[in-house]
PDB file of all heavy atoms in Angstrom:
ATOM      1  N   ALA A   1       6.515 -43.664  19.929  1.00  0.00           N
ATOM      2  CA  ALA A   1       5.766 -43.277  18.729  1.00  0.00           C
ATOM      3  C   ALA A   1       5.965 -41.822  18.333  1.00  0.00           C
ATOM      4  O   ALA A   1       5.361 -41.368  17.359  1.00  0.00           O
ATOM      5  CB  ALA A   1       4.272 -43.541  18.935  1.00  0.00           C
ATOM      6  N   ALA A   2       6.794 -41.066  19.051  1.00  0.00           N
ATOM      7  CA  ALA A   2       6.902 -39.624  18.804  1.00  0.00           C
ATOM      8  C   ALA A   2       7.352 -39.321  17.378  1.00  0.00           C
ATOM      9  O   ALA A   2       6.788 -38.443  16.713  1.00  0.00           O
ATOM     10  CB  ALA A   2       7.856 -38.986  19.811  1.00  0.00           C
ATOM     11  N   MET A   3       8.361 -40.019  16.892  1.00  0.00           N
ATOM     12  CA  MET A   3       8.870 -39.742  15.547  1.00  0.00           C
ATOM     13  C   MET A   3       7.790 -40.016  14.494  1.00  0.00           C
ATOM     14  O   MET A   3       7.595 -39.217  13.569  1.00  0.00           O
ATOM     15  CB  MET A   3      10.111 -40.592  15.262  1.00  0.00           C
ATOM     16  CG  MET A   3      10.779 -40.285  13.933  1.00  0.00           C
ATOM     17  SD  MET A   3      12.272 -41.278  13.664  1.00  0.00           S
ATOM     18  CE  MET A   3      13.272 -40.745  15.078  1.00  0.00           C
ATOM     19  N   GLU A   4       7.075 -41.121  14.638  1.00  0.00           N
ATOM     20  CA  GLU A   4       6.014 -41.448  13.691  1.00  0.00           C
ATOM     21  C   GLU A   4       4.890 -40.418  13.731  1.00  0.00           C
ATOM     22  O   GLU A   4       4.305 -40.076  12.698  1.00  0.00           O
ATOM     23  CB  GLU A   4       5.465 -42.839  13.983  1.00  0.00           C
ATOM     24  CG  GLU A   4       6.449 -43.960  13.726  1.00  0.00           C
ATOM     25  CD  GLU A   4       5.872 -45.322  14.040  1.00  0.00           C
ATOM     26  OE1 GLU A   4       4.644 -45.410  14.235  1.00  0.00           O
ATOM     27  OE2 GLU A   4       6.645 -46.290  14.100  1.00  0.00           O
ATOM     28  N   LEU A   5       4.593 -39.911  14.932  1.00  0.00           N
ATOM     29  CA  LEU A   5       3.526 -38.912  15.050  1.00  0.00           C
ATOM     30  C   LEU A   5       3.930 -37.590  14.393  1.00  0.00           C
ATOM     31  O   LEU A   5       3.099 -36.933  13.758  1.00  0.00           O
ATOM     32  CB  LEU A   5       3.171 -38.703  16.520  1.00  0.00           C
ATOM     33  CG  LEU A   5       2.442 -39.874  17.182  1.00  0.00           C
ATOM     34  CD1 LEU A   5       2.354 -39.666  18.679  1.00  0.00           C
ATOM     35  CD2 LEU A   5       1.040 -40.041  16.592  1.00  0.00           C
ATOM     36  N   ARG A   6       5.174 -37.215  14.538  1.00  0.00           N
ATOM     37  CA  ARG A   6       5.630 -35.990  13.860  1.00  0.00           C
ATOM     38  C   ARG A   6       5.535 -36.150  12.343  1.00  0.00           C
ATOM     39  O   ARG A   6       5.138 -35.219  11.634  1.00  0.00           O
ATOM     40  CB  ARG A   6       7.060 -35.647  14.287  1.00  0.00           C
ATOM     41  CG  ARG A   6       7.161 -35.174  15.738  1.00  0.00           C
ATOM     42  CD  ARG A   6       8.580 -34.821  16.119  1.00  0.00           C
ATOM     43  NE  ARG A   6       8.682 -34.426  17.504  1.00  0.00           N
ATOM     44  CZ  ARG A   6       8.433 -33.213  17.979  1.00  0.00           C
ATOM     45  NH1 ARG A   6       8.075 -32.251  17.134  1.00  0.00           N
ATOM     46  NH2 ARG A   6       8.549 -32.938  19.264  1.00  0.00           N
ATOM     47  N   GLU A   7       5.885 -37.335  11.865  1.00  0.00           N
ATOM     48  CA  GLU A   7       5.775 -37.589  10.431  1.00  0.00           C
ATOM     49  C   GLU A   7       4.312 -37.598  10.000  1.00  0.00           C
ATOM     50  O   GLU A   7       3.966 -37.083   8.924  1.00  0.00           O
ATOM     51  CB  GLU A   7       6.432 -38.932  10.096  1.00  0.00           C
ATOM     52  CG  GLU A   7       6.331 -39.328   8.634  1.00  0.00           C
ATOM     53  CD  GLU A   7       6.897 -38.279   7.696  1.00  0.00           C
ATOM     54  OE1 GLU A   7       7.893 -37.616   8.063  1.00  0.00           O
ATOM     55  OE2 GLU A   7       6.329 -38.107   6.588  1.00  0.00           O
ATOM     56  N   GLU A   8       3.438 -38.160  10.823  1.00  0.00           N
ATOM     57  CA  GLU A   8       2.008 -38.166  10.492  1.00  0.00           C
ATOM     58  C   GLU A   8       1.452 -36.745  10.462  1.00  0.00           C
ATOM     59  O   GLU A   8       0.612 -36.415   9.612  1.00  0.00           O
ATOM     60  CB  GLU A   8       1.239 -39.008  11.514  1.00  0.00           C
ATOM     61  CG  GLU A   8      -0.237 -39.192  11.202  1.00  0.00           C
ATOM     62  CD  GLU A   8      -0.489 -40.032   9.967  1.00  0.00           C
ATOM     63  OE1 GLU A   8       0.398 -40.819   9.579  1.00  0.00           O
ATOM     64  OE2 GLU A   8      -1.586 -39.899   9.377  1.00  0.00           O
ATOM     65  N   ALA A   9       1.915 -35.890  11.355  1.00  0.00           N
ATOM     66  CA  ALA A   9       1.474 -34.496  11.341  1.00  0.00           C
ATOM     67  C   ALA A   9       1.881 -33.815  10.039  1.00  0.00           C
ATOM     68  O   ALA A   9       1.107 -33.037   9.462  1.00  0.00           O
ATOM     69  CB  ALA A   9       2.046 -33.752  12.546  1.00  0.00           C
ATOM     70  N   ARG A  10       3.098 -34.112   9.576  1.00  0.00           N
ATOM     71  CA  ARG A  10       3.524 -33.540   8.295  1.00  0.00           C
ATOM     72  C   ARG A  10       2.706 -34.114   7.141  1.00  0.00           C
ATOM     73  O   ARG A  10       2.269 -33.389   6.244  1.00  0.00           O
ATOM     74  CB  ARG A  10       5.015 -33.814   8.080  1.00  0.00           C
ATOM     75  CG  ARG A  10       5.943 -32.989   8.963  1.00  0.00           C
ATOM     76  CD  ARG A  10       7.389 -33.121   8.531  1.00  0.00           C
ATOM     77  NE  ARG A  10       7.909 -34.457   8.810  1.00  0.00           N
ATOM     78  CZ  ARG A  10       8.496 -34.792   9.948  1.00  0.00           C
ATOM     79  NH1 ARG A  10       8.620 -33.918  10.927  1.00  0.00           N
ATOM     80  NH2 ARG A  10       8.959 -36.030  10.127  1.00  0.00           N
ATOM     81  N   ARG A  11       2.494 -35.427   7.169  1.00  0.00           N
ATOM     82  CA  ARG A  11       1.780 -36.086   6.069  1.00  0.00           C
ATOM     83  C   ARG A  11       0.343 -35.587   5.936  1.00  0.00           C
ATOM     84  O   ARG A  11      -0.185 -35.473   4.824  1.00  0.00           O
ATOM     85  CB  ARG A  11       1.782 -37.604   6.291  1.00  0.00           C
ATOM     86  CG  ARG A  11       1.326 -38.412   5.091  1.00  0.00           C
ATOM     87  CD  ARG A  11       1.141 -39.868   5.436  1.00  0.00           C
ATOM     88  NE  ARG A  11       0.020 -40.070   6.339  1.00  0.00           N
ATOM     89  CZ  ARG A  11      -1.251 -40.075   5.945  1.00  0.00           C
ATOM     90  NH1 ARG A  11      -1.565 -39.864   4.676  1.00  0.00           N
ATOM     91  NH2 ARG A  11      -2.215 -40.269   6.824  1.00  0.00           N
ATOM     92  N   THR A  12      -0.295 -35.298   7.060  1.00  0.00           N
ATOM     93  CA  THR A  12      -1.689 -34.845   7.037  1.00  0.00           C
ATOM     94  C   THR A  12      -1.817 -33.331   6.908  1.00  0.00           C
ATOM     95  O   THR A  12      -2.925 -32.791   6.960  1.00  0.00           O
ATOM     96  CB  THR A  12      -2.413 -35.302   8.315  1.00  0.00           C
ATOM     97  OG1 THR A  12      -1.660 -34.888   9.470  1.00  0.00           O
ATOM     98  CG2 THR A  12      -2.570 -36.815   8.344  1.00  0.00           C
ATOM     99  N   GLY A  13      -0.694 -32.644   6.769  1.00  0.00           N
ATOM    100  CA  GLY A  13      -0.740 -31.196   6.616  1.00  0.00           C
ATOM    101  C   GLY A  13      -0.998 -30.438   7.893  1.00  0.00           C
ATOM    102  O   GLY A  13      -1.394 -29.264   7.866  1.00  0.00           O
ATOM    103  N   LEU A  14      -0.737 -31.078   9.043  1.00  0.00           N
ATOM    104  CA  LEU A  14      -1.037 -30.457  10.337  1.00  0.00           C
ATOM    105  C   LEU A  14       0.208 -30.006  11.091  1.00  0.00           C
ATOM    106  O   LEU A  14       0.104 -29.580  12.244  1.00  0.00           O
ATOM    107  CB  LEU A  14      -1.813 -31.443  11.221  1.00  0.00           C
ATOM    108  CG  LEU A  14      -3.179 -31.900  10.710  1.00  0.00           C
ATOM    109  CD1 LEU A  14      -3.744 -32.982  11.626  1.00  0.00           C
ATOM    110  CD2 LEU A  14      -4.144 -30.720  10.619  1.00  0.00           C
ATOM    111  N   ALA A  15       1.364 -30.097  10.470  1.00  0.00           N
ATOM    112  CA  ALA A  15       2.614 -29.844  11.191  1.00  0.00           C
ATOM    113  C   ALA A  15       2.627 -28.483  11.883  1.00  0.00           C
ATOM    114  O   ALA A  15       3.170 -28.345  12.986  1.00  0.00           O
ATOM    115  CB  ALA A  15       3.800 -29.959  10.236  1.00  0.00           C
ATOM    116  N   GLU A  16       2.020 -27.467  11.252  1.00  0.00           N
ATOM    117  CA  GLU A  16       2.021 -26.119  11.841  1.00  0.00           C
ATOM    118  C   GLU A  16       0.963 -25.957  12.923  1.00  0.00           C
ATOM    119  O   GLU A  16       0.946 -24.932  13.613  1.00  0.00           O
ATOM    120  CB  GLU A  16       1.796 -25.080  10.742  1.00  0.00           C
ATOM    121  CG  GLU A  16       2.855 -25.091   9.648  1.00  0.00           C
ATOM    122  CD  GLU A  16       4.250 -24.873  10.210  1.00  0.00           C
ATOM    123  OE1 GLU A  16       4.400 -23.978  11.077  1.00  0.00           O
ATOM    124  OE2 GLU A  16       5.182 -25.588   9.804  1.00  0.00           O
ATOM    125  N   ARG A  17       0.092 -26.952  13.065  1.00  0.00           N
ATOM    126  CA  ARG A  17      -1.009 -26.831  14.032  1.00  0.00           C
ATOM    127  C   ARG A  17      -0.851 -27.740  15.249  1.00  0.00           C
ATOM    128  O   ARG A  17      -1.627 -27.634  16.193  1.00  0.00           O
ATOM    129  CB  ARG A  17      -2.341 -27.173  13.353  1.00  0.00           C
ATOM    130  CG  ARG A  17      -2.726 -26.197  12.262  1.00  0.00           C
ATOM    131  CD  ARG A  17      -4.062 -26.589  11.643  1.00  0.00           C
ATOM    132  NE  ARG A  17      -4.406 -25.651  10.575  1.00  0.00           N
ATOM    133  CZ  ARG A  17      -5.061 -24.509  10.774  1.00  0.00           C
ATOM    134  NH1 ARG A  17      -5.427 -24.169  11.995  1.00  0.00           N
ATOM    135  NH2 ARG A  17      -5.330 -23.705   9.772  1.00  0.00           N
ATOM    136  N   VAL A  18       0.132 -28.641  15.219  1.00  0.00           N
ATOM    137  CA  VAL A  18       0.295 -29.604  16.312  1.00  0.00           C
ATOM    138  C   VAL A  18       1.459 -29.190  17.196  1.00  0.00           C
ATOM    139  O   VAL A  18       2.577 -28.995  16.715  1.00  0.00           O
ATOM    140  CB  VAL A  18       0.527 -31.029  15.765  1.00  0.00           C
ATOM    141  CG1 VAL A  18       0.683 -32.011  16.917  1.00  0.00           C
ATOM    142  CG2 VAL A  18      -0.623 -31.448  14.858  1.00  0.00           C
ATOM    143  N   ARG A  19       1.204 -29.051  18.505  1.00  0.00           N
ATOM    144  CA  ARG A  19       2.257 -28.746  19.476  1.00  0.00           C
ATOM    145  C   ARG A  19       2.608 -30.028  20.236  1.00  0.00           C
ATOM    146  O   ARG A  19       1.749 -30.619  20.905  1.00  0.00           O
ATOM    147  CB  ARG A  19       1.766 -27.693  20.490  1.00  0.00           C
ATOM    148  CG  ARG A  19       1.084 -26.481  19.886  1.00  0.00           C
ATOM    149  CD  ARG A  19       2.052 -25.482  19.343  1.00  0.00           C
ATOM    150  NE  ARG A  19       1.336 -24.368  18.723  1.00  0.00           N
ATOM    151  CZ  ARG A  19       0.996 -23.247  19.345  1.00  0.00           C
ATOM    152  NH1 ARG A  19       1.299 -23.096  20.629  1.00  0.00           N
ATOM    153  NH2 ARG A  19       0.357 -22.280  18.701  1.00  0.00           N
ATOM    154  N   PHE A  20       3.852 -30.460  20.126  1.00  0.00           N
ATOM    155  CA  PHE A  20       4.353 -31.586  20.914  1.00  0.00           C
ATOM    156  C   PHE A  20       5.020 -30.997  22.153  1.00  0.00           C
ATOM    157  O   PHE A  20       6.097 -30.423  22.068  1.00  0.00           O
ATOM    158  CB  PHE A  20       5.343 -32.410  20.097  1.00  0.00           C
ATOM    159  CG  PHE A  20       4.715 -33.180  18.964  1.00  0.00           C
ATOM    160  CD1 PHE A  20       4.578 -32.596  17.703  1.00  0.00           C
ATOM    161  CD2 PHE A  20       4.266 -34.479  19.146  1.00  0.00           C
ATOM    162  CE1 PHE A  20       4.011 -33.306  16.654  1.00  0.00           C
ATOM    163  CE2 PHE A  20       3.701 -35.188  18.113  1.00  0.00           C
ATOM    164  CZ  PHE A  20       3.563 -34.606  16.856  1.00  0.00           C
ATOM    165  N   LEU A  21       4.380 -31.149  23.285  1.00  0.00           N
ATOM    166  CA  LEU A  21       4.846 -30.458  24.491  1.00  0.00           C
ATOM    167  C   LEU A  21       5.805 -31.290  25.329  1.00  0.00           C
ATOM    168  O   LEU A  21       6.412 -30.746  26.261  1.00  0.00           O
ATOM    169  CB  LEU A  21       3.651 -30.064  25.366  1.00  0.00           C
ATOM    170  CG  LEU A  21       2.596 -29.155  24.723  1.00  0.00           C
ATOM    171  CD1 LEU A  21       1.553 -28.775  25.756  1.00  0.00           C
ATOM    172  CD2 LEU A  21       3.234 -27.911  24.116  1.00  0.00           C
ATOM    173  N   GLY A  22       5.936 -32.593  25.059  1.00  0.00           N
ATOM    174  CA  GLY A  22       6.775 -33.432  25.899  1.00  0.00           C
ATOM    175  C   GLY A  22       6.123 -33.671  27.249  1.00  0.00           C
ATOM    176  O   GLY A  22       4.960 -33.323  27.486  1.00  0.00           O
ATOM    177  N   ALA A  23       6.886 -34.278  28.159  1.00  0.00           N
ATOM    178  CA  ALA A  23       6.374 -34.536  29.507  1.00  0.00           C
ATOM    179  C   ALA A  23       6.165 -33.210  30.234  1.00  0.00           C
ATOM    180  O   ALA A  23       7.006 -32.306  30.160  1.00  0.00           O
ATOM    181  CB  ALA A  23       7.341 -35.424  30.275  1.00  0.00           C
ATOM    182  N   ARG A  24       5.056 -33.102  30.950  1.00  0.00           N
ATOM    183  CA  ARG A  24       4.722 -31.853  31.646  1.00  0.00           C
ATOM    184  C   ARG A  24       4.382 -32.143  33.103  1.00  0.00           C
ATOM    185  O   ARG A  24       3.737 -33.137  33.425  1.00  0.00           O
ATOM    186  CB  ARG A  24       3.513 -31.183  30.993  1.00  0.00           C
ATOM    187  CG  ARG A  24       3.669 -30.880  29.528  1.00  0.00           C
ATOM    188  CD  ARG A  24       4.552 -29.703  29.287  1.00  0.00           C
ATOM    189  NE  ARG A  24       4.007 -28.460  29.801  1.00  0.00           N
ATOM    190  CZ  ARG A  24       4.132 -27.281  29.199  1.00  0.00           C
ATOM    191  NH1 ARG A  24       4.777 -27.199  28.033  1.00  0.00           N
ATOM    192  NH2 ARG A  24       3.642 -26.182  29.737  1.00  0.00           N
ATOM    193  N   SER A  25       4.797 -31.240  33.978  1.00  0.00           N
ATOM    194  CA  SER A  25       4.392 -31.326  35.382  1.00  0.00           C
ATOM    195  C   SER A  25       3.165 -30.474  35.655  1.00  0.00           C
ATOM    196  O   SER A  25       2.539 -30.602  36.704  1.00  0.00           O
ATOM    197  CB  SER A  25       5.547 -30.883  36.289  1.00  0.00           C
ATOM    198  OG  SER A  25       5.917 -29.538  35.990  1.00  0.00           O
ATOM    199  N   ASP A  26       2.817 -29.587  34.699  1.00  0.00           N
ATOM    200  CA  ASP A  26       1.679 -28.677  34.874  1.00  0.00           C
ATOM    201  C   ASP A  26       0.468 -29.176  34.072  1.00  0.00           C
ATOM    202  O   ASP A  26      -0.162 -28.420  33.325  1.00  0.00           O
ATOM    203  CB  ASP A  26       2.046 -27.258  34.441  1.00  0.00           C
ATOM    204  CG  ASP A  26       2.514 -27.182  32.985  1.00  0.00           C
ATOM    205  OD1 ASP A  26       2.866 -28.239  32.406  1.00  0.00           O
ATOM    206  OD2 ASP A  26       2.521 -26.066  32.422  1.00  0.00           O
ATOM    207  N   VAL A  27       0.114 -30.440  34.250  1.00  0.00           N
ATOM    208  CA  VAL A  27      -0.975 -31.031  33.468  1.00  0.00           C
ATOM    209  C   VAL A  27      -2.298 -30.290  33.654  1.00  0.00           C
ATOM    210  O   VAL A  27      -3.020 -30.074  32.668  1.00  0.00           O
ATOM    211  CB  VAL A  27      -1.113 -32.530  33.799  1.00  0.00           C
ATOM    212  CG1 VAL A  27      -2.354 -33.131  33.124  1.00  0.00           C
ATOM    213  CG2 VAL A  27       0.134 -33.272  33.341  1.00  0.00           C
ATOM    214  N   PRO A  28      -2.686 -29.862  34.870  1.00  0.00           N
ATOM    215  CA  PRO A  28      -3.955 -29.123  34.981  1.00  0.00           C
ATOM    216  C   PRO A  28      -3.970 -27.863  34.111  1.00  0.00           C
ATOM    217  O   PRO A  28      -5.001 -27.544  33.489  1.00  0.00           O
ATOM    218  CB  PRO A  28      -4.038 -28.769  36.470  1.00  0.00           C
ATOM    219  CG  PRO A  28      -3.206 -29.801  37.148  1.00  0.00           C
ATOM    220  CD  PRO A  28      -2.082 -30.083  36.202  1.00  0.00           C
ATOM    221  N   GLU A  29      -2.850 -27.148  34.047  1.00  0.00           N
ATOM    222  CA  GLU A  29      -2.799 -25.940  33.240  1.00  0.00           C
ATOM    223  C   GLU A  29      -2.906 -26.266  31.747  1.00  0.00           C
ATOM    224  O   GLU A  29      -3.553 -25.546  30.985  1.00  0.00           O
ATOM    225  CB  GLU A  29      -1.502 -25.172  33.524  1.00  0.00           C
ATOM    226  CG  GLU A  29      -1.453 -24.534  34.909  1.00  0.00           C
ATOM    227  CD  GLU A  29      -0.818 -25.433  35.965  1.00  0.00           C
ATOM    228  OE1 GLU A  29      -0.946 -26.679  35.858  1.00  0.00           O
ATOM    229  OE2 GLU A  29      -0.208 -24.891  36.907  1.00  0.00           O
ATOM    230  N   VAL A  30      -2.258 -27.365  31.336  1.00  0.00           N
ATOM    231  CA  VAL A  30      -2.366 -27.778  29.933  1.00  0.00           C
ATOM    232  C   VAL A  30      -3.813 -28.132  29.598  1.00  0.00           C
ATOM    233  O   VAL A  30      -4.360 -27.699  28.572  1.00  0.00           O
ATOM    234  CB  VAL A  30      -1.432 -28.972  29.650  1.00  0.00           C
ATOM    235  CG1 VAL A  30      -1.695 -29.545  28.254  1.00  0.00           C
ATOM    236  CG2 VAL A  30       0.029 -28.554  29.782  1.00  0.00           C
ATOM    237  N   LEU A  31      -4.453 -28.890  30.464  1.00  0.00           N
ATOM    238  CA  LEU A  31      -5.844 -29.277  30.219  1.00  0.00           C
ATOM    239  C   LEU A  31      -6.768 -28.066  30.216  1.00  0.00           C
ATOM    240  O   LEU A  31      -7.734 -28.005  29.443  1.00  0.00           O
ATOM    241  CB  LEU A  31      -6.304 -30.273  31.283  1.00  0.00           C
ATOM    242  CG  LEU A  31      -5.660 -31.663  31.213  1.00  0.00           C
ATOM    243  CD1 LEU A  31      -6.042 -32.483  32.436  1.00  0.00           C
ATOM    244  CD2 LEU A  31      -6.075 -32.388  29.941  1.00  0.00           C
ATOM    245  N   ARG A  32      -6.465 -27.084  31.048  1.00  0.00           N
ATOM    246  CA  ARG A  32      -7.323 -25.887  31.116  1.00  0.00           C
ATOM    247  C   ARG A  32      -7.279 -25.106  29.806  1.00  0.00           C
ATOM    248  O   ARG A  32      -8.213 -24.346  29.487  1.00  0.00           O
ATOM    249  CB  ARG A  32      -6.872 -24.986  32.268  1.00  0.00           C
ATOM    250  CG  ARG A  32      -7.835 -23.841  32.579  1.00  0.00           C
ATOM    251  CD  ARG A  32      -9.123 -24.376  33.165  1.00  0.00           C
ATOM    252  NE  ARG A  32     -10.006 -23.299  33.584  1.00  0.00           N
ATOM    253  CZ  ARG A  32     -11.111 -22.926  32.930  1.00  0.00           C
ATOM    254  NH1 ARG A  32     -11.458 -23.539  31.813  1.00  0.00           N
ATOM    255  NH2 ARG A  32     -11.857 -21.947  33.393  1.00  0.00           N
ATOM    256  N   ALA A  33      -6.228 -25.315  29.032  1.00  0.00           N
ATOM    257  CA  ALA A  33      -6.102 -24.605  27.756  1.00  0.00           C
ATOM    258  C   ALA A  33      -6.896 -25.257  26.633  1.00  0.00           C
ATOM    259  O   ALA A  33      -7.040 -24.669  25.558  1.00  0.00           O
ATOM    260  CB  ALA A  33      -4.627 -24.530  27.356  1.00  0.00           C
ATOM    261  N   LEU A  34      -7.422 -26.457  26.870  1.00  0.00           N
ATOM    262  CA  LEU A  34      -8.096 -27.199  25.812  1.00  0.00           C
ATOM    263  C   LEU A  34      -9.579 -26.866  25.728  1.00  0.00           C
ATOM    264  O   LEU A  34     -10.193 -26.438  26.702  1.00  0.00           O
ATOM    265  CB  LEU A  34      -7.944 -28.703  26.043  1.00  0.00           C
ATOM    266  CG  LEU A  34      -6.531 -29.276  26.203  1.00  0.00           C
ATOM    267  CD1 LEU A  34      -6.591 -30.788  26.344  1.00  0.00           C
ATOM    268  CD2 LEU A  34      -5.637 -28.872  25.050  1.00  0.00           C
ATOM    269  N   ASP A  35     -10.153 -27.126  24.560  1.00  0.00           N
ATOM    270  CA  ASP A  35     -11.608 -27.072  24.372  1.00  0.00           C
ATOM    271  C   ASP A  35     -12.224 -28.462  24.361  1.00  0.00           C
ATOM    272  O   ASP A  35     -13.362 -28.643  24.792  1.00  0.00           O
ATOM    273  CB  ASP A  35     -11.945 -26.370  23.049  1.00  0.00           C
ATOM    274  CG  ASP A  35     -11.608 -24.896  23.084  1.00  0.00           C
ATOM    275  OD1 ASP A  35     -12.344 -24.139  23.741  1.00  0.00           O
ATOM    276  OD2 ASP A  35     -10.600 -24.499  22.467  1.00  0.00           O
ATOM    277  N   VAL A  36     -11.477 -29.443  23.862  1.00  0.00           N
ATOM    278  CA  VAL A  36     -11.953 -30.818  23.759  1.00  0.00           C
ATOM    279  C   VAL A  36     -10.797 -31.752  24.073  1.00  0.00           C
ATOM    280  O   VAL A  36      -9.663 -31.511  23.638  1.00  0.00           O
ATOM    281  CB  VAL A  36     -12.494 -31.135  22.341  1.00  0.00           C
ATOM    282  CG1 VAL A  36     -12.988 -32.584  22.270  1.00  0.00           C
ATOM    283  CG2 VAL A  36     -13.604 -30.178  21.942  1.00  0.00           C
ATOM    284  N   TYR A  37     -11.102 -32.823  24.809  1.00  0.00           N
ATOM    285  CA  TYR A  37     -10.090 -33.841  25.097  1.00  0.00           C
ATOM    286  C   TYR A  37     -10.415 -35.092  24.305  1.00  0.00           C
ATOM    287  O   TYR A  37     -11.576 -35.530  24.242  1.00  0.00           O
ATOM    288  CB  TYR A  37     -10.055 -34.179  26.589  1.00  0.00           C
ATOM    289  CG  TYR A  37      -8.885 -35.067  26.950  1.00  0.00           C
ATOM    290  CD1 TYR A  37      -7.648 -34.506  27.231  1.00  0.00           C
ATOM    291  CD2 TYR A  37      -9.013 -36.447  26.963  1.00  0.00           C
ATOM    292  CE1 TYR A  37      -6.554 -35.302  27.534  1.00  0.00           C
ATOM    293  CE2 TYR A  37      -7.925 -37.249  27.260  1.00  0.00           C
ATOM    294  CZ  TYR A  37      -6.698 -36.673  27.542  1.00  0.00           C
ATOM    295  OH  TYR A  37      -5.615 -37.465  27.821  1.00  0.00           O
ATOM    296  N   VAL A  38      -9.374 -35.702  23.711  1.00  0.00           N
ATOM    297  CA  VAL A  38      -9.576 -36.890  22.889  1.00  0.00           C
ATOM    298  C   VAL A  38      -8.665 -38.015  23.370  1.00  0.00           C
ATOM    299  O   VAL A  38      -7.469 -37.802  23.598  1.00  0.00           O
ATOM    300  CB  VAL A  38      -9.294 -36.593  21.399  1.00  0.00           C
ATOM    301  CG1 VAL A  38      -9.559 -37.842  20.554  1.00  0.00           C
ATOM    302  CG2 VAL A  38     -10.163 -35.443  20.910  1.00  0.00           C
ATOM    303  N   LEU A  39      -9.237 -39.200  23.520  1.00  0.00           N
ATOM    304  CA  LEU A  39      -8.485 -40.404  23.850  1.00  0.00           C
ATOM    305  C   LEU A  39      -8.747 -41.426  22.748  1.00  0.00           C
ATOM    306  O   LEU A  39      -9.905 -41.741  22.469  1.00  0.00           O
ATOM    307  CB  LEU A  39      -8.903 -40.959  25.212  1.00  0.00           C
ATOM    308  CG  LEU A  39      -8.149 -42.220  25.669  1.00  0.00           C
ATOM    309  CD1 LEU A  39      -7.783 -42.124  27.147  1.00  0.00           C
ATOM    310  CD2 LEU A  39      -8.981 -43.482  25.427  1.00  0.00           C
ATOM    311  N   THR A  40      -7.690 -41.917  22.114  1.00  0.00           N
ATOM    312  CA  THR A  40      -7.841 -42.777  20.938  1.00  0.00           C
ATOM    313  C   THR A  40      -7.182 -44.140  21.134  1.00  0.00           C
ATOM    314  O   THR A  40      -6.837 -44.813  20.163  1.00  0.00           O
ATOM    315  CB  THR A  40      -7.233 -42.094  19.702  1.00  0.00           C
ATOM    316  OG1 THR A  40      -5.886 -41.676  20.012  1.00  0.00           O
ATOM    317  CG2 THR A  40      -8.039 -40.887  19.294  1.00  0.00           C
ATOM    318  N   SER A  41      -7.023 -44.579  22.363  1.00  0.00           N
ATOM    319  CA  SER A  41      -6.262 -45.791  22.662  1.00  0.00           C
ATOM    320  C   SER A  41      -6.883 -47.037  22.041  1.00  0.00           C
ATOM    321  O   SER A  41      -8.103 -47.150  21.897  1.00  0.00           O
ATOM    322  CB  SER A  41      -6.166 -45.986  24.171  1.00  0.00           C
ATOM    323  OG  SER A  41      -5.484 -44.923  24.784  1.00  0.00           O
ATOM    324  N   LEU A  42      -6.005 -47.999  21.739  1.00  0.00           N
ATOM    325  CA  LEU A  42      -6.448 -49.305  21.270  1.00  0.00           C
ATOM    326  C   LEU A  42      -6.888 -50.187  22.428  1.00  0.00           C
ATOM    327  O   LEU A  42      -7.734 -51.067  22.260  1.00  0.00           O
ATOM    328  CB  LEU A  42      -5.317 -49.996  20.508  1.00  0.00           C
ATOM    329  CG  LEU A  42      -4.838 -49.270  19.245  1.00  0.00           C
ATOM    330  CD1 LEU A  42      -3.584 -49.930  18.693  1.00  0.00           C
ATOM    331  CD2 LEU A  42      -5.937 -49.248  18.190  1.00  0.00           C
ATOM    332  N   TYR A  43      -6.298 -49.984  23.599  1.00  0.00           N
ATOM    333  CA  TYR A  43      -6.748 -50.676  24.803  1.00  0.00           C
ATOM    334  C   TYR A  43      -6.389 -49.819  26.008  1.00  0.00           C
ATOM    335  O   TYR A  43      -5.467 -49.011  25.977  1.00  0.00           O
ATOM    336  CB  TYR A  43      -6.132 -52.083  24.919  1.00  0.00           C
ATOM    337  CG  TYR A  43      -4.616 -52.120  24.967  1.00  0.00           C
ATOM    338  CD1 TYR A  43      -3.923 -51.994  26.163  1.00  0.00           C
ATOM    339  CD2 TYR A  43      -3.881 -52.326  23.806  1.00  0.00           C
ATOM    340  CE1 TYR A  43      -2.544 -52.042  26.199  1.00  0.00           C
ATOM    341  CE2 TYR A  43      -2.496 -52.390  23.832  1.00  0.00           C
ATOM    342  CZ  TYR A  43      -1.832 -52.252  25.033  1.00  0.00           C
ATOM    343  OH  TYR A  43      -0.461 -52.303  25.066  1.00  0.00           O
ATOM    344  N   GLU A  44      -7.149 -49.970  27.085  1.00  0.00           N
ATOM    345  CA  GLU A  44      -6.955 -49.199  28.310  1.00  0.00           C
ATOM    346  C   GLU A  44      -7.515 -49.990  29.491  1.00  0.00           C
ATOM    347  O   GLU A  44      -8.261 -50.962  29.317  1.00  0.00           O
ATOM    348  CB  GLU A  44      -7.690 -47.857  28.238  1.00  0.00           C
ATOM    349  CG  GLU A  44      -7.031 -46.808  27.385  1.00  0.00           C
ATOM    350  CD  GLU A  44      -5.787 -46.190  28.013  1.00  0.00           C
ATOM    351  OE1 GLU A  44      -5.450 -46.576  29.150  1.00  0.00           O
ATOM    352  OE2 GLU A  44      -5.157 -45.339  27.371  1.00  0.00           O
ATOM    353  N   GLY A  45      -7.174 -49.517  30.682  1.00  0.00           N
ATOM    354  CA  GLY A  45      -7.882 -49.909  31.884  1.00  0.00           C
ATOM    355  C   GLY A  45      -8.848 -48.778  32.200  1.00  0.00           C
ATOM    356  O   GLY A  45      -9.851 -48.571  31.527  1.00  0.00           O
TER     357      GLY A  45
END
């Protein structure tokens, strides 16, 4: 879905505000940089 998400960021005017970081091994550090975490899945365990 990466290509569609980049297009959605452009369509919604957020392209300059969205960072696509790719796969990361430093997930705790990435999470520590956040203020809010969002999960929007259609289904999960």
